[in-house]
Amino acid sequence: MFVVHSLPLAIFFCIVTMLGWGSWANTQKLTGKEKWPFQLFYWDYAIGVVLCSLAFAATFGSHGGAGITALANVRAMHLGFIVPALLSGAIFNLSNVLLVVGIDAVGMAIAFPIGVGLALVLGTVGSFMQSPQGQPSLLFSGLALIVFAMVMSAVAHRRLPHAQSAKRTSPMLGVIASISAGLIQGFFYPQLMRSISPAFSSSPIVPGMLTPYLALVFFAVGVLVSNLLWNTIFMKIGGVTYADYFRGSLKLHSIGILGGVIWMIALSFNVVASSVAGPAVSYALGQGATLIAALWGLLVWREFRDAPTGTAKYIAFMLGGYTIGLACIGAASA
């Protein structure tokens, strides 16, 4: 299988993760919530996650000069390491459905800084406690700046006209959904790493542990299977049926699948990079997606075009906090 040996390549992989995690939500925007509800988009997204995981296992996970192939790992895997990967997929899926609800209600520039920013803090702390790699002072200084950026994001949102109007149920629901997503999502990554060999450049140290590529397949299965529960609930709430899904055009289905593929490529690169950069640093750098998503929302989708004078400074504080915070986290791996 393919593995990363150098820190510069690992950091590059984390940057790819950041770009992918910060950009996949554009596919939801492209489908248009008026004609294609987020519940239907999310089924295609989950399918894209599974297809991408299988492609990685069949290629990068089966060829290369290090470790064991995905097929050999299947023969040696133990149930005790499969369950954490499946559970991580279910945890992530619930959080991501909630994040999609947040994006649907308040846009990328708000949902990502609040939801994914909170997940970044929780996930990084959990990963560091599990595998303490990186300089703690820089790592936690960076996290403090991320929290500051989240606060500035919330302040900027409160200044938007629709957030201050009497009919603000939907925006407030979006913020609550984003916060809930962050609280839950922060736990999926440490759970996933429990199933992966800590030295996957060779055969697993503990018999039955998974290579990253096989763990990602089980993670994706956890996403798809749990979708039968999580997304069905949201479909019921939204008055959407499975028959509606099959009425969608090939273009709409393709966009949703593309969103899942983009996200899963990012996660795959991140997990592979974690063997060198460390789980805490690689996860935190990958969650720099908050900055990328905020820029998409601000510059492309213009989600703050109606904001009153003076809001720009809070947005600048948000972007600055994320930028400097991520720089500190990146330096923590040196």
C-alpha atoms as a PDB file:
ATOM      1  CA  MET A   1       0.000   0.000   0.000  1.00  0.00           C
ATOM      2  CA  PHE A   2       0.984   3.633  -0.387  1.00  0.00           C
ATOM      3  CA  VAL A   3       2.253   5.459   2.712  1.00  0.00           C
ATOM      4  CA  VAL A   4       3.696   8.903   3.439  1.00  0.00           C
ATOM      5  CA  HIS A   5       7.227   9.132   4.839  1.00  0.00           C
ATOM      6  CA  SER A   6       8.111  12.848   4.662  1.00  0.00           C
ATOM      7  CA  LEU A   7       6.648  15.716   6.681  1.00  0.00           C
ATOM      8  CA  PRO A   8       6.431  18.134   3.687  1.00  0.00           C
ATOM      9  CA  LEU A   9       4.326  15.595   1.776  1.00  0.00           C
ATOM     10  CA  ALA A  10       2.184  15.031   4.862  1.00  0.00           C
ATOM     11  CA  ILE A  11       1.562  18.777   5.209  1.00  0.00           C
ATOM     12  CA  PHE A  12       0.712  18.942   1.496  1.00  0.00           C
ATOM     13  CA  PHE A  13      -1.824  16.157   1.990  1.00  0.00           C
ATOM     14  CA  CYS A  14      -3.324  18.123   4.889  1.00  0.00           C
ATOM     15  CA  ILE A  15      -3.637  21.173   2.645  1.00  0.00           C
ATOM     16  CA  VAL A  16      -5.480  19.031   0.078  1.00  0.00           C
ATOM     17  CA  THR A  17      -7.755  17.934   2.927  1.00  0.00           C
ATOM     18  CA  MET A  18      -8.381  21.545   3.885  1.00  0.00           C
ATOM     19  CA  LEU A  19      -9.319  22.461   0.308  1.00  0.00           C
ATOM     20  CA  GLY A  20     -11.567  19.424  -0.113  1.00  0.00           C
ATOM     21  CA  TRP A  21     -13.378  19.730   3.215  1.00  0.00           C
ATOM     22  CA  GLY A  22     -13.859  23.443   2.624  1.00  0.00           C
ATOM     23  CA  SER A  23     -15.193  23.079  -0.907  1.00  0.00           C
ATOM     24  CA  TRP A  24     -17.497  20.037  -1.026  1.00  0.00           C
ATOM     25  CA  ALA A  25     -20.484  22.033   0.283  1.00  0.00           C
ATOM     26  CA  ASN A  26     -20.470  24.041  -2.945  1.00  0.00           C
ATOM     27  CA  THR A  27     -22.036  20.986  -4.559  1.00  0.00           C
ATOM     28  CA  GLN A  28     -25.027  21.350  -2.243  1.00  0.00           C
ATOM     29  CA  LYS A  29     -25.296  24.995  -3.233  1.00  0.00           C
ATOM     30  CA  LEU A  30     -25.213  23.999  -6.911  1.00  0.00           C
ATOM     31  CA  THR A  31     -28.208  21.676  -6.585  1.00  0.00           C
ATOM     32  CA  GLY A  32     -30.421  24.483  -5.265  1.00  0.00           C
ATOM     33  CA  LYS A  33     -32.479  23.809  -2.145  1.00  0.00           C
ATOM     34  CA  GLU A  34     -35.704  24.954  -3.824  1.00  0.00           C
ATOM     35  CA  LYS A  35     -35.755  22.078  -6.321  1.00  0.00           C
ATOM     36  CA  TRP A  36     -33.553  19.527  -4.531  1.00  0.00           C
ATOM     37  CA  PRO A  37     -33.911  19.367  -0.700  1.00  0.00           C
ATOM     38  CA  PHE A  38     -30.783  18.707   1.336  1.00  0.00           C
ATOM     39  CA  GLN A  39     -32.134  15.300   2.440  1.00  0.00           C
ATOM     40  CA  LEU A  40     -32.090  14.048  -1.161  1.00  0.00           C
ATOM     41  CA  PHE A  41     -28.704  15.618  -1.863  1.00  0.00           C
ATOM     42  CA  TYR A  42     -27.319  13.844   1.173  1.00  0.00           C
ATOM     43  CA  TRP A  43     -28.188  10.357  -0.103  1.00  0.00           C
ATOM     44  CA  ASP A  44     -26.016  10.933  -3.156  1.00  0.00           C
ATOM     45  CA  TYR A  45     -23.326  12.431  -0.939  1.00  0.00           C
ATOM     46  CA  ALA A  46     -23.233   9.234   1.185  1.00  0.00           C
ATOM     47  CA  ILE A  47     -23.032   7.076  -1.943  1.00  0.00           C
ATOM     48  CA  GLY A  48     -20.104   9.173  -3.173  1.00  0.00           C
ATOM     49  CA  VAL A  49     -18.284   8.603   0.144  1.00  0.00           C
ATOM     50  CA  VAL A  50     -18.623   4.822  -0.222  1.00  0.00           C
ATOM     51  CA  LEU A  51     -17.553   4.734  -3.884  1.00  0.00           C
ATOM     52  CA  CYS A  52     -14.470   6.829  -3.156  1.00  0.00           C
ATOM     53  CA  SER A  53     -13.423   4.647  -0.199  1.00  0.00           C
ATOM     54  CA  LEU A  54     -13.625   1.512  -2.347  1.00  0.00           C
ATOM     55  CA  ALA A  55     -11.585   3.174  -5.098  1.00  0.00           C
ATOM     56  CA  PHE A  56      -8.839   4.149  -2.625  1.00  0.00           C
ATOM     57  CA  ALA A  57      -8.755   0.639  -1.130  1.00  0.00           C
ATOM     58  CA  ALA A  58      -8.450  -0.924  -4.604  1.00  0.00           C
ATOM     59  CA  THR A  59      -5.658   1.428  -5.704  1.00  0.00           C
ATOM     60  CA  PHE A  60      -3.537   3.107  -3.017  1.00  0.00           C
ATOM     61  CA  GLY A  61      -4.495   0.461  -0.472  1.00  0.00           C
ATOM     62  CA  SER A  62      -3.561  -2.476  -2.684  1.00  0.00           C
ATOM     63  CA  HIS A  63      -0.396  -1.300  -4.445  1.00  0.00           C
ATOM     64  CA  GLY A  64       2.922  -0.054  -3.108  1.00  0.00           C
ATOM     65  CA  GLY A  65       5.955  -1.359  -1.329  1.00  0.00           C
ATOM     66  CA  ALA A  66       4.905  -0.880   2.286  1.00  0.00           C
ATOM     67  CA  GLY A  67       2.739  -2.798   4.696  1.00  0.00           C
ATOM     68  CA  ILE A  68      -0.044  -5.172   3.664  1.00  0.00           C
ATOM     69  CA  THR A  69      -2.681  -4.903   0.984  1.00  0.00           C
ATOM     70  CA  ALA A  70      -6.331  -4.187   1.708  1.00  0.00           C
ATOM     71  CA  LEU A  71      -7.258  -7.766   0.773  1.00  0.00           C
ATOM     72  CA  ALA A  72      -4.634  -9.245   3.113  1.00  0.00           C
ATOM     73  CA  ASN A  73      -5.876  -6.914   5.836  1.00  0.00           C
ATOM     74  CA  VAL A  74      -9.425  -8.238   5.332  1.00  0.00           C
ATOM     75  CA  ARG A  75      -8.215 -11.755   6.112  1.00  0.00           C
ATOM     76  CA  ALA A  76      -6.460 -10.600   9.310  1.00  0.00           C
ATOM     77  CA  MET A  77      -8.870  -7.984  10.698  1.00  0.00           C
ATOM     78  CA  HIS A  78     -10.609  -8.332  14.061  1.00  0.00           C
ATOM     79  CA  LEU A  79     -14.138  -7.218  14.921  1.00  0.00           C
ATOM     80  CA  GLY A  80     -12.853  -5.126  17.833  1.00  0.00           C
ATOM     81  CA  PHE A  81     -11.169  -2.776  15.349  1.00  0.00           C
ATOM     82  CA  ILE A  82     -13.964  -2.823  12.784  1.00  0.00           C
ATOM     83  CA  VAL A  83     -16.557  -1.501  15.228  1.00  0.00           C
ATOM     84  CA  PRO A  84     -14.751   1.818  15.979  1.00  0.00           C
ATOM     85  CA  ALA A  85     -14.480   2.544  12.240  1.00  0.00           C
ATOM     86  CA  LEU A  86     -18.184   1.813  11.695  1.00  0.00           C
ATOM     87  CA  LEU A  87     -19.109   3.872  14.755  1.00  0.00           C
ATOM     88  CA  SER A  88     -16.976   6.791  13.599  1.00  0.00           C
ATOM     89  CA  GLY A  89     -18.901   6.792  10.312  1.00  0.00           C
ATOM     90  CA  ALA A  90     -22.238   6.876  12.152  1.00  0.00           C
ATOM     91  CA  ILE A  91     -21.036   9.692  14.452  1.00  0.00           C
ATOM     92  CA  PHE A  92     -19.710  11.732  11.572  1.00  0.00           C
ATOM     93  CA  ASN A  93     -22.849  11.172   9.541  1.00  0.00           C
ATOM     94  CA  LEU A  94     -25.189  12.557  12.185  1.00  0.00           C
ATOM     95  CA  SER A  95     -22.967  15.595  12.633  1.00  0.00           C
ATOM     96  CA  ASN A  96     -22.647  16.165   8.896  1.00  0.00           C
ATOM     97  CA  VAL A  97     -26.396  15.955   8.295  1.00  0.00           C
ATOM     98  CA  LEU A  98     -26.789  18.641  10.963  1.00  0.00           C
ATOM     99  CA  LEU A  99     -24.062  20.706   9.295  1.00  0.00           C
ATOM    100  CA  VAL A 100     -25.895  20.415   5.971  1.00  0.00           C
ATOM    101  CA  VAL A 101     -29.027  21.677   7.760  1.00  0.00           C
ATOM    102  CA  GLY A 102     -26.950  24.607   9.008  1.00  0.00           C
ATOM    103  CA  ILE A 103     -25.569  25.366   5.537  1.00  0.00           C
ATOM    104  CA  ASP A 104     -29.093  25.179   4.148  1.00  0.00           C
ATOM    105  CA  ALA A 105     -30.309  27.750   6.686  1.00  0.00           C
ATOM    106  CA  VAL A 106     -27.444  30.208   7.249  1.00  0.00           C
ATOM    107  CA  GLY A 107     -24.883  29.543   4.508  1.00  0.00           C
ATOM    108  CA  MET A 108     -21.296  28.315   4.368  1.00  0.00           C
ATOM    109  CA  ALA A 109     -19.705  31.447   5.818  1.00  0.00           C
ATOM    110  CA  ILE A 110     -21.509  30.872   9.132  1.00  0.00           C
ATOM    111  CA  ALA A 111     -22.196  27.136   9.389  1.00  0.00           C
ATOM    112  CA  PHE A 112     -18.578  26.094   8.809  1.00  0.00           C
ATOM    113  CA  PRO A 113     -16.828  28.494  11.228  1.00  0.00           C
ATOM    114  CA  ILE A 114     -19.281  27.603  13.990  1.00  0.00           C
ATOM    115  CA  GLY A 115     -19.834  23.885  13.389  1.00  0.00           C
ATOM    116  CA  VAL A 116     -16.528  22.746  11.936  1.00  0.00           C
ATOM    117  CA  GLY A 117     -14.575  25.166  14.126  1.00  0.00           C
ATOM    118  CA  LEU A 118     -16.055  23.581  17.233  1.00  0.00           C
ATOM    119  CA  ALA A 119     -15.359  20.118  15.814  1.00  0.00           C
ATOM    120  CA  LEU A 120     -11.765  21.183  15.153  1.00  0.00           C
ATOM    121  CA  VAL A 121     -11.229  22.090  18.795  1.00  0.00           C
ATOM    122  CA  LEU A 122     -12.837  18.932  20.196  1.00  0.00           C
ATOM    123  CA  GLY A 123     -11.288  16.591  17.621  1.00  0.00           C
ATOM    124  CA  THR A 124      -7.801  18.032  17.984  1.00  0.00           C
ATOM    125  CA  VAL A 125      -7.860  17.833  21.770  1.00  0.00           C
ATOM    126  CA  GLY A 126      -9.170  14.251  21.624  1.00  0.00           C
ATOM    127  CA  SER A 127      -6.581  13.200  19.044  1.00  0.00           C
ATOM    128  CA  PHE A 128      -3.757  14.838  21.030  1.00  0.00           C
ATOM    129  CA  MET A 129      -4.788  13.049  24.222  1.00  0.00           C
ATOM    130  CA  GLN A 130      -4.836   9.765  22.312  1.00  0.00           C
ATOM    131  CA  SER A 131      -1.554  10.386  20.453  1.00  0.00           C
ATOM    132  CA  PRO A 132       0.380  13.412  21.863  1.00  0.00           C
ATOM    133  CA  GLN A 133       2.426  14.455  18.829  1.00  0.00           C
ATOM    134  CA  GLY A 134       3.300  18.103  18.196  1.00  0.00           C
ATOM    135  CA  GLN A 135       4.265  21.044  20.411  1.00  0.00           C
ATOM    136  CA  PRO A 136       1.430  21.604  22.938  1.00  0.00           C
ATOM    137  CA  SER A 137       2.027  25.345  23.365  1.00  0.00           C
ATOM    138  CA  LEU A 138       1.685  26.096  19.650  1.00  0.00           C
ATOM    139  CA  LEU A 139      -1.117  23.603  19.160  1.00  0.00           C
ATOM    140  CA  PHE A 140      -3.310  24.965  21.939  1.00  0.00           C
ATOM    141  CA  SER A 141      -2.483  28.582  21.121  1.00  0.00           C
ATOM    142  CA  GLY A 142      -3.746  27.865  17.631  1.00  0.00           C
ATOM    143  CA  LEU A 143      -6.920  26.323  19.035  1.00  0.00           C
ATOM    144  CA  ALA A 144      -7.516  29.390  21.212  1.00  0.00           C
ATOM    145  CA  LEU A 145      -7.365  31.584  18.109  1.00  0.00           C
ATOM    146  CA  ILE A 146      -9.819  29.267  16.367  1.00  0.00           C
ATOM    147  CA  VAL A 147     -12.261  29.701  19.257  1.00  0.00           C
ATOM    148  CA  PHE A 148     -11.825  33.487  18.964  1.00  0.00           C
ATOM    149  CA  ALA A 149     -12.599  33.232  15.230  1.00  0.00           C
ATOM    150  CA  MET A 150     -15.754  31.238  16.000  1.00  0.00           C
ATOM    151  CA  VAL A 151     -16.948  33.977  18.355  1.00  0.00           C
ATOM    152  CA  MET A 152     -16.314  36.629  15.691  1.00  0.00           C
ATOM    153  CA  SER A 153     -18.282  34.533  13.206  1.00  0.00           C
ATOM    154  CA  ALA A 154     -21.256  34.420  15.561  1.00  0.00           C
ATOM    155  CA  VAL A 155     -21.037  38.178  16.163  1.00  0.00           C
ATOM    156  CA  ALA A 156     -20.958  38.862  12.422  1.00  0.00           C
ATOM    157  CA  HIS A 157     -23.980  36.636  11.897  1.00  0.00           C
ATOM    158  CA  ARG A 158     -26.036  38.470  14.524  1.00  0.00           C
ATOM    159  CA  ARG A 159     -25.590  41.680  12.534  1.00  0.00           C
ATOM    160  CA  LEU A 160     -27.279  40.267   9.426  1.00  0.00           C
ATOM    161  CA  PRO A 161     -30.808  41.649   8.855  1.00  0.00           C
ATOM    162  CA  HIS A 162     -32.476  38.220   8.755  1.00  0.00           C
ATOM    163  CA  ALA A 163     -30.821  37.248  12.057  1.00  0.00           C
ATOM    164  CA  GLN A 164     -32.368  40.274  13.800  1.00  0.00           C
ATOM    165  CA  SER A 165     -35.839  40.082  12.271  1.00  0.00           C
ATOM    166  CA  ALA A 166     -38.884  38.729  14.033  1.00  0.00           C
ATOM    167  CA  LYS A 167     -38.978  35.792  11.623  1.00  0.00           C
ATOM    168  CA  ARG A 168     -35.602  34.410  12.513  1.00  0.00           C
ATOM    169  CA  THR A 169     -36.553  30.799  13.307  1.00  0.00           C
ATOM    170  CA  SER A 170     -34.749  29.357  10.286  1.00  0.00           C
ATOM    171  CA  PRO A 171     -31.441  31.249  10.826  1.00  0.00           C
ATOM    172  CA  MET A 172     -31.447  30.443  14.540  1.00  0.00           C
ATOM    173  CA  LEU A 173     -32.222  26.812  13.742  1.00  0.00           C
ATOM    174  CA  GLY A 174     -29.252  26.850  11.368  1.00  0.00           C
ATOM    175  CA  VAL A 175     -26.917  28.160  14.076  1.00  0.00           C
ATOM    176  CA  ILE A 176     -28.199  25.588  16.587  1.00  0.00           C
ATOM    177  CA  ALA A 177     -27.787  22.817  14.002  1.00  0.00           C
ATOM    178  CA  SER A 178     -24.211  23.984  13.288  1.00  0.00           C
ATOM    179  CA  ILE A 179     -23.313  24.021  16.992  1.00  0.00           C
ATOM    180  CA  SER A 180     -24.824  20.546  17.433  1.00  0.00           C
ATOM    181  CA  ALA A 181     -22.861  19.340  14.406  1.00  0.00           C
ATOM    182  CA  GLY A 182     -19.614  20.613  15.918  1.00  0.00           C
ATOM    183  CA  LEU A 183     -20.282  19.033  19.309  1.00  0.00           C
ATOM    184  CA  ILE A 184     -20.836  15.651  17.685  1.00  0.00           C
ATOM    185  CA  GLN A 185     -18.309  15.787  14.847  1.00  0.00           C
ATOM    186  CA  GLY A 186     -15.372  16.385  17.160  1.00  0.00           C
ATOM    187  CA  PHE A 187     -15.588  12.759  18.323  1.00  0.00           C
ATOM    188  CA  PHE A 188     -15.545  10.920  14.995  1.00  0.00           C
ATOM    189  CA  TYR A 189     -11.847  11.331  14.163  1.00  0.00           C
ATOM    190  CA  PRO A 190     -10.375   9.968  17.437  1.00  0.00           C
ATOM    191  CA  GLN A 191     -12.821   7.064  17.137  1.00  0.00           C
ATOM    192  CA  LEU A 192     -11.648   6.327  13.582  1.00  0.00           C
ATOM    193  CA  MET A 193      -7.991   6.421  14.616  1.00  0.00           C
ATOM    194  CA  ARG A 194      -8.631   3.717  17.251  1.00  0.00           C
ATOM    195  CA  SER A 195      -9.134   1.194  14.467  1.00  0.00           C
ATOM    196  CA  ILE A 196      -5.969   2.052  12.523  1.00  0.00           C
ATOM    197  CA  SER A 197      -2.546   0.616  13.188  1.00  0.00           C
ATOM    198  CA  PRO A 198      -0.259   3.269  14.741  1.00  0.00           C
ATOM    199  CA  ALA A 199       2.513   2.137  12.401  1.00  0.00           C
ATOM    200  CA  PHE A 200       0.711   1.336   9.173  1.00  0.00           C
ATOM    201  CA  SER A 201       3.913   1.587   7.149  1.00  0.00           C
ATOM    202  CA  SER A 202       4.417  -2.051   8.151  1.00  0.00           C
ATOM    203  CA  SER A 203       2.205  -4.888   9.291  1.00  0.00           C
ATOM    204  CA  PRO A 204      -0.127  -3.863  12.120  1.00  0.00           C
ATOM    205  CA  ILE A 205       1.579  -3.893  15.526  1.00  0.00           C
ATOM    206  CA  VAL A 206      -1.568  -5.226  17.177  1.00  0.00           C
ATOM    207  CA  PRO A 207      -2.968  -8.240  15.327  1.00  0.00           C
ATOM    208  CA  GLY A 208      -6.250  -7.448  13.652  1.00  0.00           C
ATOM    209  CA  MET A 209      -5.813  -3.674  13.422  1.00  0.00           C
ATOM    210  CA  LEU A 210      -6.717  -2.015  10.143  1.00  0.00           C
ATOM    211  CA  THR A 211      -4.713  -0.186   7.546  1.00  0.00           C
ATOM    212  CA  PRO A 212      -6.064   3.309   6.885  1.00  0.00           C
ATOM    213  CA  TYR A 213      -7.576   2.255   3.559  1.00  0.00           C
ATOM    214  CA  LEU A 214      -9.631  -0.580   4.998  1.00  0.00           C
ATOM    215  CA  ALA A 215     -10.634   1.510   8.014  1.00  0.00           C
ATOM    216  CA  LEU A 216     -11.943   4.153   5.615  1.00  0.00           C
ATOM    217  CA  VAL A 217     -14.072   1.558   3.828  1.00  0.00           C
ATOM    218  CA  PHE A 218     -15.727   0.586   7.114  1.00  0.00           C
ATOM    219  CA  PHE A 219     -16.076   4.267   7.984  1.00  0.00           C
ATOM    220  CA  ALA A 220     -17.919   4.824   4.694  1.00  0.00           C
ATOM    221  CA  VAL A 221     -20.157   1.817   5.338  1.00  0.00           C
ATOM    222  CA  GLY A 222     -20.981   3.341   8.724  1.00  0.00           C
ATOM    223  CA  VAL A 223     -21.937   6.577   6.971  1.00  0.00           C
ATOM    224  CA  LEU A 224     -24.236   4.870   4.457  1.00  0.00           C
ATOM    225  CA  VAL A 225     -25.902   2.450   6.886  1.00  0.00           C
ATOM    226  CA  SER A 226     -26.506   5.113   9.542  1.00  0.00           C
ATOM    227  CA  ASN A 227     -28.018   7.294   6.841  1.00  0.00           C
ATOM    228  CA  LEU A 228     -30.980   4.925   6.861  1.00  0.00           C
ATOM    229  CA  LEU A 229     -31.698   6.231  10.350  1.00  0.00           C
ATOM    230  CA  TRP A 230     -30.434   9.821  10.474  1.00  0.00           C
ATOM    231  CA  ASN A 231     -31.496  10.987   7.041  1.00  0.00           C
ATOM    232  CA  THR A 232     -34.799   9.132   7.123  1.00  0.00           C
ATOM    233  CA  ILE A 233     -35.690  11.132  10.241  1.00  0.00           C
ATOM    234  CA  PHE A 234     -34.884  14.416   8.488  1.00  0.00           C
ATOM    235  CA  MET A 235     -36.795  13.278   5.397  1.00  0.00           C
ATOM    236  CA  LYS A 236     -39.826  12.651   7.583  1.00  0.00           C
ATOM    237  CA  ILE A 237     -39.506  16.087   9.204  1.00  0.00           C
ATOM    238  CA  GLY A 238     -39.110  17.778   5.801  1.00  0.00           C
ATOM    239  CA  GLY A 239     -41.945  15.909   4.117  1.00  0.00           C
ATOM    240  CA  VAL A 240     -39.583  14.343   1.580  1.00  0.00           C
ATOM    241  CA  THR A 241     -40.046  10.785   0.305  1.00  0.00           C
ATOM    242  CA  TYR A 242     -37.819   8.166  -1.279  1.00  0.00           C
ATOM    243  CA  ALA A 243     -39.963   8.436  -4.394  1.00  0.00           C
ATOM    244  CA  ASP A 244     -38.826  12.063  -4.663  1.00  0.00           C
ATOM    245  CA  TYR A 245     -35.221  10.871  -4.712  1.00  0.00           C
ATOM    246  CA  PHE A 246     -35.782   8.698  -7.774  1.00  0.00           C
ATOM    247  CA  ARG A 247     -37.424  11.580  -9.613  1.00  0.00           C
ATOM    248  CA  GLY A 248     -34.147  13.521  -9.525  1.00  0.00           C
ATOM    249  CA  SER A 249     -32.196  14.100 -12.711  1.00  0.00           C
ATOM    250  CA  LEU A 250     -28.856  12.461 -13.485  1.00  0.00           C
ATOM    251  CA  LYS A 251     -27.226  15.872 -13.114  1.00  0.00           C
ATOM    252  CA  LEU A 252     -28.578  16.367  -9.583  1.00  0.00           C
ATOM    253  CA  HIS A 253     -27.491  12.872  -8.510  1.00  0.00           C
ATOM    254  CA  SER A 254     -24.042  13.359 -10.061  1.00  0.00           C
ATOM    255  CA  ILE A 255     -23.475  16.634  -8.205  1.00  0.00           C
ATOM    256  CA  GLY A 256     -24.334  15.001  -4.879  1.00  0.00           C
ATOM    257  CA  ILE A 257     -22.046  12.032  -5.528  1.00  0.00           C
ATOM    258  CA  LEU A 258     -19.272  14.460  -6.508  1.00  0.00           C
ATOM    259  CA  GLY A 259     -19.687  16.191  -3.146  1.00  0.00           C
ATOM    260  CA  GLY A 260     -19.180  12.893  -1.311  1.00  0.00           C
ATOM    261  CA  VAL A 261     -16.159  11.985  -3.431  1.00  0.00           C
ATOM    262  CA  ILE A 262     -14.503  15.355  -2.774  1.00  0.00           C
ATOM    263  CA  TRP A 263     -15.033  15.018   0.978  1.00  0.00           C
ATOM    264  CA  MET A 264     -13.781  11.434   1.083  1.00  0.00           C
ATOM    265  CA  ILE A 265     -10.644  12.181  -0.951  1.00  0.00           C
ATOM    266  CA  ALA A 266      -9.880  14.839   1.651  1.00  0.00           C
ATOM    267  CA  LEU A 267     -10.390  12.448   4.579  1.00  0.00           C
ATOM    268  CA  SER A 268      -8.282   9.733   2.915  1.00  0.00           C
ATOM    269  CA  PHE A 269      -5.378  12.115   2.384  1.00  0.00           C
ATOM    270  CA  ASN A 270      -5.707  13.329   5.956  1.00  0.00           C
ATOM    271  CA  VAL A 271      -5.625   9.876   7.536  1.00  0.00           C
ATOM    272  CA  VAL A 272      -2.634   8.814   5.437  1.00  0.00           C
ATOM    273  CA  ALA A 273      -0.783  11.997   6.419  1.00  0.00           C
ATOM    274  CA  SER A 274      -1.458  11.413  10.120  1.00  0.00           C
ATOM    275  CA  SER A 275       1.258   8.742  10.326  1.00  0.00           C
ATOM    276  CA  VAL A 276       3.885  11.496   9.919  1.00  0.00           C
ATOM    277  CA  ALA A 277       2.235  14.728  11.081  1.00  0.00           C
ATOM    278  CA  GLY A 278       0.374  13.091  13.961  1.00  0.00           C
ATOM    279  CA  PRO A 279      -3.411  12.724  14.232  1.00  0.00           C
ATOM    280  CA  ALA A 280      -3.931  15.962  16.194  1.00  0.00           C
ATOM    281  CA  VAL A 281      -1.966  18.162  13.780  1.00  0.00           C
ATOM    282  CA  SER A 282      -3.272  16.518  10.590  1.00  0.00           C
ATOM    283  CA  TYR A 283      -6.879  16.771  11.778  1.00  0.00           C
ATOM    284  CA  ALA A 284      -6.494  20.384  12.870  1.00  0.00           C
ATOM    285  CA  LEU A 285      -4.844  21.434   9.612  1.00  0.00           C
ATOM    286  CA  GLY A 286      -7.499  19.623   7.604  1.00  0.00           C
ATOM    287  CA  GLN A 287     -10.200  21.470   9.488  1.00  0.00           C
ATOM    288  CA  GLY A 288      -8.707  24.662   8.130  1.00  0.00           C
ATOM    289  CA  ALA A 289     -11.585  23.932   5.763  1.00  0.00           C
ATOM    290  CA  THR A 290     -13.505  26.426   7.890  1.00  0.00           C
ATOM    291  CA  LEU A 291     -11.408  29.214   6.387  1.00  0.00           C
ATOM    292  CA  ILE A 292     -11.849  27.909   2.829  1.00  0.00           C
ATOM    293  CA  ALA A 293     -15.609  27.503   3.246  1.00  0.00           C
ATOM    294  CA  ALA A 294     -15.920  30.966   4.769  1.00  0.00           C
ATOM    295  CA  LEU A 295     -14.109  32.444   1.761  1.00  0.00           C
ATOM    296  CA  TRP A 296     -16.424  30.583  -0.626  1.00  0.00           C
ATOM    297  CA  GLY A 297     -19.423  31.944   1.253  1.00  0.00           C
ATOM    298  CA  LEU A 298     -18.071  35.488   1.383  1.00  0.00           C
ATOM    299  CA  LEU A 299     -16.537  35.901  -2.067  1.00  0.00           C
ATOM    300  CA  VAL A 300     -18.497  33.567  -4.346  1.00  0.00           C
ATOM    301  CA  TRP A 301     -21.936  33.153  -2.770  1.00  0.00           C
ATOM    302  CA  ARG A 302     -21.841  36.648  -1.199  1.00  0.00           C
ATOM    303  CA  GLU A 303     -23.668  35.567   1.934  1.00  0.00           C
ATOM    304  CA  PHE A 304     -22.856  38.875   3.726  1.00  0.00           C
ATOM    305  CA  ARG A 305     -23.890  41.211   0.929  1.00  0.00           C
ATOM    306  CA  ASP A 306     -26.742  42.603   3.057  1.00  0.00           C
ATOM    307  CA  ALA A 307     -24.651  43.065   6.205  1.00  0.00           C
ATOM    308  CA  PRO A 308     -24.639  46.585   7.732  1.00  0.00           C
ATOM    309  CA  THR A 309     -21.614  48.860   7.870  1.00  0.00           C
ATOM    310  CA  GLY A 310     -19.099  47.743  10.477  1.00  0.00           C
ATOM    311  CA  THR A 311     -19.597  44.007   9.964  1.00  0.00           C
ATOM    312  CA  ALA A 312     -16.426  43.774   7.882  1.00  0.00           C
ATOM    313  CA  LYS A 313     -14.183  44.143  10.930  1.00  0.00           C
ATOM    314  CA  TYR A 314     -15.728  41.090  12.599  1.00  0.00           C
ATOM    315  CA  ILE A 315     -15.293  39.095   9.407  1.00  0.00           C
ATOM    316  CA  ALA A 316     -11.670  40.248   9.255  1.00  0.00           C
ATOM    317  CA  PHE A 317     -11.139  39.155  12.876  1.00  0.00           C
ATOM    318  CA  MET A 318     -12.690  35.781  12.019  1.00  0.00           C
ATOM    319  CA  LEU A 319     -10.456  35.233   8.989  1.00  0.00           C
ATOM    320  CA  GLY A 320      -7.390  36.498  10.845  1.00  0.00           C
ATOM    321  CA  GLY A 321      -8.046  34.256  13.825  1.00  0.00           C
ATOM    322  CA  TYR A 322      -8.373  31.202  11.621  1.00  0.00           C
ATOM    323  CA  THR A 323      -5.319  32.060   9.511  1.00  0.00           C
ATOM    324  CA  ILE A 324      -2.961  32.692  12.450  1.00  0.00           C
ATOM    325  CA  GLY A 325      -4.432  29.807  14.428  1.00  0.00           C
ATOM    326  CA  LEU A 326      -3.850  27.369  11.584  1.00  0.00           C
ATOM    327  CA  ALA A 327      -0.313  28.689  11.144  1.00  0.00           C
ATOM    328  CA  CYS A 328       0.359  27.937  14.818  1.00  0.00           C
ATOM    329  CA  ILE A 329      -1.062  24.441  14.434  1.00  0.00           C
ATOM    330  CA  GLY A 330       1.064  23.826  11.347  1.00  0.00           C
ATOM    331  CA  ALA A 331       4.165  25.009  13.206  1.00  0.00           C
ATOM    332  CA  ALA A 332       3.336  22.631  16.060  1.00  0.00           C
ATOM    333  CA  SER A 333       4.279  19.678  13.853  1.00  0.00           C
ATOM    334  CA  ALA A 334       7.770  21.007  13.127  1.00  0.00           C
END
